[in-house]
Amino acid sequence: MREDVLYLKIKRLLFAAISVALIAVLTLCSCSNTAPDETTTTASYVEMTEMQEIGQGKNTFIFRVYDENGHITPFTIKTDKTIVGEALQENGLIEGDEGEFGLYVKTVNGIFAEYETTGNYWAFYVGDTYALKGIDMTEIVNGEIYSLRIES
């Protein structure tokens, strides 16, 4: 158990260091010689709110919500569930419809996205990799980072 807590703390410190470096790089890049009438965009997420801890249980993981405006809302999830989707539903963070391919997540942390209606959807990631399984089929790995990101 102590190793899990230490691992989680190390991941948090590493994430904080990477976030600071990313912000520094983005700040430097924003000082380019772009003409005032040109539009520049970035797909990088740069704003993160304070981490909230939700739930109780022996399993712990990080869950991040990436919205369409570049905001990241992180959560530490504690649960006795063994599947990521079940833990998030249990804590009221996701809602969706069951379909032939599993849970189609439509609302995350109160934000609605459905491709047919809004033109974007919630993509599920494990770490920084697009998930190979659905959120309702992915087993929880203690200390892992899972995220749902709005994509189009």
C-alpha atoms as a PDB file:
ATOM      1  CA  MET A   1       0.000   0.000   0.000  1.00  0.00           C
ATOM      2  CA  ARG A   2       2.839   2.413   0.852  1.00  0.00           C
ATOM      3  CA  GLU A   3       4.393   1.690  -2.533  1.00  0.00           C
ATOM      4  CA  ASP A   4       1.099   2.663  -4.250  1.00  0.00           C
ATOM      5  CA  VAL A   5       1.011   5.972  -2.368  1.00  0.00           C
ATOM      6  CA  LEU A   6       4.682   6.658  -3.162  1.00  0.00           C
ATOM      7  CA  TYR A   7       4.095   5.771  -6.839  1.00  0.00           C
ATOM      8  CA  LEU A   8       1.102   8.124  -6.961  1.00  0.00           C
ATOM      9  CA  LYS A   9       3.117  10.959  -5.391  1.00  0.00           C
ATOM     10  CA  ILE A  10       5.958  10.437  -7.878  1.00  0.00           C
ATOM     11  CA  LYS A  11       3.484  10.518 -10.795  1.00  0.00           C
ATOM     12  CA  ARG A  12       1.994  13.755  -9.448  1.00  0.00           C
ATOM     13  CA  LEU A  13       5.420  15.389  -9.148  1.00  0.00           C
ATOM     14  CA  LEU A  14       6.360  14.232 -12.634  1.00  0.00           C
ATOM     15  CA  PHE A  15       3.087  15.570 -14.023  1.00  0.00           C
ATOM     16  CA  ALA A  16       3.639  18.922 -12.299  1.00  0.00           C
ATOM     17  CA  ALA A  17       7.156  19.198 -13.759  1.00  0.00           C
ATOM     18  CA  ILE A  18       5.931  18.329 -17.262  1.00  0.00           C
ATOM     19  CA  SER A  19       3.064  20.820 -16.929  1.00  0.00           C
ATOM     20  CA  VAL A  20       5.438  23.628 -15.936  1.00  0.00           C
ATOM     21  CA  ALA A  21       7.735  22.778 -18.857  1.00  0.00           C
ATOM     22  CA  LEU A  22       4.771  22.701 -21.275  1.00  0.00           C
ATOM     23  CA  ILE A  23       3.532  26.076 -20.057  1.00  0.00           C
ATOM     24  CA  ALA A  24       7.037  27.520 -20.470  1.00  0.00           C
ATOM     25  CA  VAL A  25       7.307  26.179 -24.025  1.00  0.00           C
ATOM     26  CA  LEU A  26       3.842  27.445 -24.947  1.00  0.00           C
ATOM     27  CA  THR A  27       4.634  30.851 -23.503  1.00  0.00           C
ATOM     28  CA  LEU A  28       7.835  31.073 -25.540  1.00  0.00           C
ATOM     29  CA  CYS A  29       6.062  29.886 -28.691  1.00  0.00           C
ATOM     30  CA  SER A  30       3.364  32.523 -28.280  1.00  0.00           C
ATOM     31  CA  CYS A  31       6.003  35.198 -28.788  1.00  0.00           C
ATOM     32  CA  SER A  32       6.350  34.407 -32.495  1.00  0.00           C
ATOM     33  CA  ASN A  33       6.340  36.913 -35.347  1.00  0.00           C
ATOM     34  CA  THR A  34       2.786  36.148 -36.440  1.00  0.00           C
ATOM     35  CA  ALA A  35       1.029  39.008 -38.181  1.00  0.00           C
ATOM     36  CA  PRO A  36      -1.880  40.409 -36.131  1.00  0.00           C
ATOM     37  CA  ASP A  37      -4.529  39.330 -38.657  1.00  0.00           C
ATOM     38  CA  GLU A  38      -3.367  35.686 -38.749  1.00  0.00           C
ATOM     39  CA  THR A  39      -5.170  33.159 -36.607  1.00  0.00           C
ATOM     40  CA  THR A  40      -3.079  30.718 -34.629  1.00  0.00           C
ATOM     41  CA  THR A  41      -4.426  27.816 -32.654  1.00  0.00           C
ATOM     42  CA  THR A  42      -2.998  25.157 -30.402  1.00  0.00           C
ATOM     43  CA  ALA A  43      -4.353  21.771 -29.479  1.00  0.00           C
ATOM     44  CA  SER A  44      -2.368  21.776 -26.248  1.00  0.00           C
ATOM     45  CA  TYR A  45      -4.214  21.814 -22.971  1.00  0.00           C
ATOM     46  CA  VAL A  46      -2.667  24.377 -20.680  1.00  0.00           C
ATOM     47  CA  GLU A  47      -5.074  25.238 -17.884  1.00  0.00           C
ATOM     48  CA  MET A  48      -5.625  22.817 -15.039  1.00  0.00           C
ATOM     49  CA  THR A  49      -7.818  23.219 -12.005  1.00  0.00           C
ATOM     50  CA  GLU A  50      -6.921  21.889  -8.568  1.00  0.00           C
ATOM     51  CA  MET A  51      -7.131  18.109  -8.136  1.00  0.00           C
ATOM     52  CA  GLN A  52     -10.316  16.943  -6.406  1.00  0.00           C
ATOM     53  CA  GLU A  53     -10.486  13.679  -4.474  1.00  0.00           C
ATOM     54  CA  ILE A  54     -13.674  11.678  -4.927  1.00  0.00           C
ATOM     55  CA  GLY A  55     -14.942   8.418  -3.462  1.00  0.00           C
ATOM     56  CA  GLN A  56     -13.649   5.811  -1.091  1.00  0.00           C
ATOM     57  CA  GLY A  57     -12.100   2.419  -1.630  1.00  0.00           C
ATOM     58  CA  LYS A  58      -8.954   0.383  -2.073  1.00  0.00           C
ATOM     59  CA  ASN A  59      -8.388   1.261  -5.762  1.00  0.00           C
ATOM     60  CA  THR A  60      -6.998   4.708  -6.634  1.00  0.00           C
ATOM     61  CA  PHE A  61      -6.438   6.327 -10.019  1.00  0.00           C
ATOM     62  CA  ILE A  62      -6.225   9.752 -11.624  1.00  0.00           C
ATOM     63  CA  PHE A  63      -9.013  10.848 -13.966  1.00  0.00           C
ATOM     64  CA  ARG A  64      -8.711  13.962 -16.139  1.00  0.00           C
ATOM     65  CA  VAL A  65     -11.421  15.740 -18.112  1.00  0.00           C
ATOM     66  CA  TYR A  66     -10.153  17.736 -21.124  1.00  0.00           C
ATOM     67  CA  ASP A  67     -12.853  20.121 -22.335  1.00  0.00           C
ATOM     68  CA  GLU A  68     -13.157  21.916 -25.676  1.00  0.00           C
ATOM     69  CA  ASN A  69     -11.676  25.158 -24.268  1.00  0.00           C
ATOM     70  CA  GLY A  70      -8.349  23.686 -23.176  1.00  0.00           C
ATOM     71  CA  HIS A  71      -9.227  23.262 -19.522  1.00  0.00           C
ATOM     72  CA  ILE A  72      -8.175  20.142 -17.647  1.00  0.00           C
ATOM     73  CA  THR A  73     -10.115  19.080 -14.580  1.00  0.00           C
ATOM     74  CA  PRO A  74      -8.245  16.374 -12.640  1.00  0.00           C
ATOM     75  CA  PHE A  75      -9.662  14.017 -10.047  1.00  0.00           C
ATOM     76  CA  THR A  76      -8.204  11.412  -7.728  1.00  0.00           C
ATOM     77  CA  ILE A  77     -10.735   8.585  -7.759  1.00  0.00           C
ATOM     78  CA  LYS A  78     -10.949   6.092  -4.890  1.00  0.00           C
ATOM     79  CA  THR A  79     -13.243   3.111  -5.350  1.00  0.00           C
ATOM     80  CA  ASP A  80     -13.814  -0.553  -4.683  1.00  0.00           C
ATOM     81  CA  LYS A  81     -14.965  -1.008  -8.304  1.00  0.00           C
ATOM     82  CA  THR A  82     -12.556  -2.757 -10.686  1.00  0.00           C
ATOM     83  CA  ILE A  83     -13.645  -1.157 -14.001  1.00  0.00           C
ATOM     84  CA  VAL A  84     -12.879   2.503 -14.833  1.00  0.00           C
ATOM     85  CA  GLY A  85     -16.319   3.261 -16.284  1.00  0.00           C
ATOM     86  CA  GLU A  86     -18.126   1.764 -13.290  1.00  0.00           C
ATOM     87  CA  ALA A  87     -16.046   3.840 -10.866  1.00  0.00           C
ATOM     88  CA  LEU A  88     -16.730   7.045 -12.806  1.00  0.00           C
ATOM     89  CA  GLN A  89     -20.455   6.308 -13.066  1.00  0.00           C
ATOM     90  CA  GLU A  90     -20.578   5.459  -9.356  1.00  0.00           C
ATOM     91  CA  ASN A  91     -19.165   8.901  -8.579  1.00  0.00           C
ATOM     92  CA  GLY A  92     -21.437  10.749 -11.040  1.00  0.00           C
ATOM     93  CA  LEU A  93     -18.637  11.849 -13.377  1.00  0.00           C
ATOM     94  CA  ILE A  94     -19.877  10.182 -16.587  1.00  0.00           C
ATOM     95  CA  GLU A  95     -23.196   9.342 -18.205  1.00  0.00           C
ATOM     96  CA  GLY A  96     -23.997   7.684 -21.485  1.00  0.00           C
ATOM     97  CA  ASP A  97     -25.982   5.091 -23.379  1.00  0.00           C
ATOM     98  CA  GLU A  98     -25.325   1.371 -23.670  1.00  0.00           C
ATOM     99  CA  GLY A  99     -24.888   0.269 -27.257  1.00  0.00           C
ATOM    100  CA  GLU A 100     -23.678  -2.747 -29.168  1.00  0.00           C
ATOM    101  CA  PHE A 101     -20.048  -1.645 -28.595  1.00  0.00           C
ATOM    102  CA  GLY A 102     -20.444  -0.822 -24.890  1.00  0.00           C
ATOM    103  CA  LEU A 103     -20.987   2.458 -23.088  1.00  0.00           C
ATOM    104  CA  TYR A 104     -21.175   5.502 -25.378  1.00  0.00           C
ATOM    105  CA  VAL A 105     -20.116   8.318 -23.028  1.00  0.00           C
ATOM    106  CA  LYS A 106     -22.062  11.499 -23.722  1.00  0.00           C
ATOM    107  CA  THR A 107     -21.689  13.590 -20.567  1.00  0.00           C
ATOM    108  CA  VAL A 108     -18.487  14.001 -18.571  1.00  0.00           C
ATOM    109  CA  ASN A 109     -18.347  16.178 -15.462  1.00  0.00           C
ATOM    110  CA  GLY A 110     -21.530  17.900 -16.672  1.00  0.00           C
ATOM    111  CA  ILE A 111     -20.223  18.573 -20.211  1.00  0.00           C
ATOM    112  CA  PHE A 112     -22.257  17.090 -23.065  1.00  0.00           C
ATOM    113  CA  ALA A 113     -20.659  15.898 -26.311  1.00  0.00           C
ATOM    114  CA  GLU A 114     -22.310  13.633 -28.852  1.00  0.00           C
ATOM    115  CA  TYR A 115     -20.984  13.489 -32.404  1.00  0.00           C
ATOM    116  CA  GLU A 116     -24.420  13.372 -34.029  1.00  0.00           C
ATOM    117  CA  THR A 117     -25.567  16.482 -32.119  1.00  0.00           C
ATOM    118  CA  THR A 118     -22.503  18.589 -31.298  1.00  0.00           C
ATOM    119  CA  GLY A 119     -19.978  17.362 -33.875  1.00  0.00           C
ATOM    120  CA  ASN A 120     -17.556  16.182 -31.224  1.00  0.00           C
ATOM    121  CA  TYR A 121     -17.257  13.200 -28.895  1.00  0.00           C
ATOM    122  CA  TRP A 122     -15.494  11.954 -25.761  1.00  0.00           C
ATOM    123  CA  ALA A 123     -12.305  10.010 -26.550  1.00  0.00           C
ATOM    124  CA  PHE A 124     -10.968   7.694 -23.829  1.00  0.00           C
ATOM    125  CA  TYR A 125      -7.232   7.612 -23.077  1.00  0.00           C
ATOM    126  CA  VAL A 126      -5.051   5.486 -20.824  1.00  0.00           C
ATOM    127  CA  GLY A 127      -2.028   7.606 -19.986  1.00  0.00           C
ATOM    128  CA  ASP A 128      -1.405   9.543 -23.194  1.00  0.00           C
ATOM    129  CA  THR A 129      -2.490   6.683 -25.455  1.00  0.00           C
ATOM    130  CA  TYR A 130      -5.880   6.308 -27.100  1.00  0.00           C
ATOM    131  CA  ALA A 131      -7.495   3.377 -25.284  1.00  0.00           C
ATOM    132  CA  LEU A 132      -7.721   0.023 -27.021  1.00  0.00           C
ATOM    133  CA  LYS A 133     -10.800  -0.967 -24.982  1.00  0.00           C
ATOM    134  CA  GLY A 134     -13.920   0.905 -23.996  1.00  0.00           C
ATOM    135  CA  ILE A 135     -14.169   2.686 -20.674  1.00  0.00           C
ATOM    136  CA  ASP A 136     -16.627   0.043 -19.479  1.00  0.00           C
ATOM    137  CA  MET A 137     -14.157  -2.766 -20.306  1.00  0.00           C
ATOM    138  CA  THR A 138     -10.945  -1.255 -18.925  1.00  0.00           C
ATOM    139  CA  GLU A 139      -9.776  -2.654 -15.601  1.00  0.00           C
ATOM    140  CA  ILE A 140      -8.456  -0.172 -13.053  1.00  0.00           C
ATOM    141  CA  VAL A 141      -4.700  -0.131 -12.540  1.00  0.00           C
ATOM    142  CA  ASN A 142      -3.821   1.632  -9.296  1.00  0.00           C
ATOM    143  CA  GLY A 143      -1.954   4.892  -9.923  1.00  0.00           C
ATOM    144  CA  GLU A 144      -2.789   4.985 -13.655  1.00  0.00           C
ATOM    145  CA  ILE A 145      -4.039   8.137 -15.365  1.00  0.00           C
ATOM    146  CA  TYR A 146      -7.248   7.830 -17.402  1.00  0.00           C
ATOM    147  CA  SER A 147      -8.813  10.701 -19.305  1.00  0.00           C
ATOM    148  CA  LEU A 148     -11.739  11.648 -21.463  1.00  0.00           C
ATOM    149  CA  ARG A 149     -11.025  14.340 -24.061  1.00  0.00           C
ATOM    150  CA  ILE A 150     -13.411  16.136 -26.369  1.00  0.00           C
ATOM    151  CA  GLU A 151     -12.393  15.489 -29.967  1.00  0.00           C
ATOM    152  CA  SER A 152     -14.038  16.074 -33.313  1.00  0.00           C
END
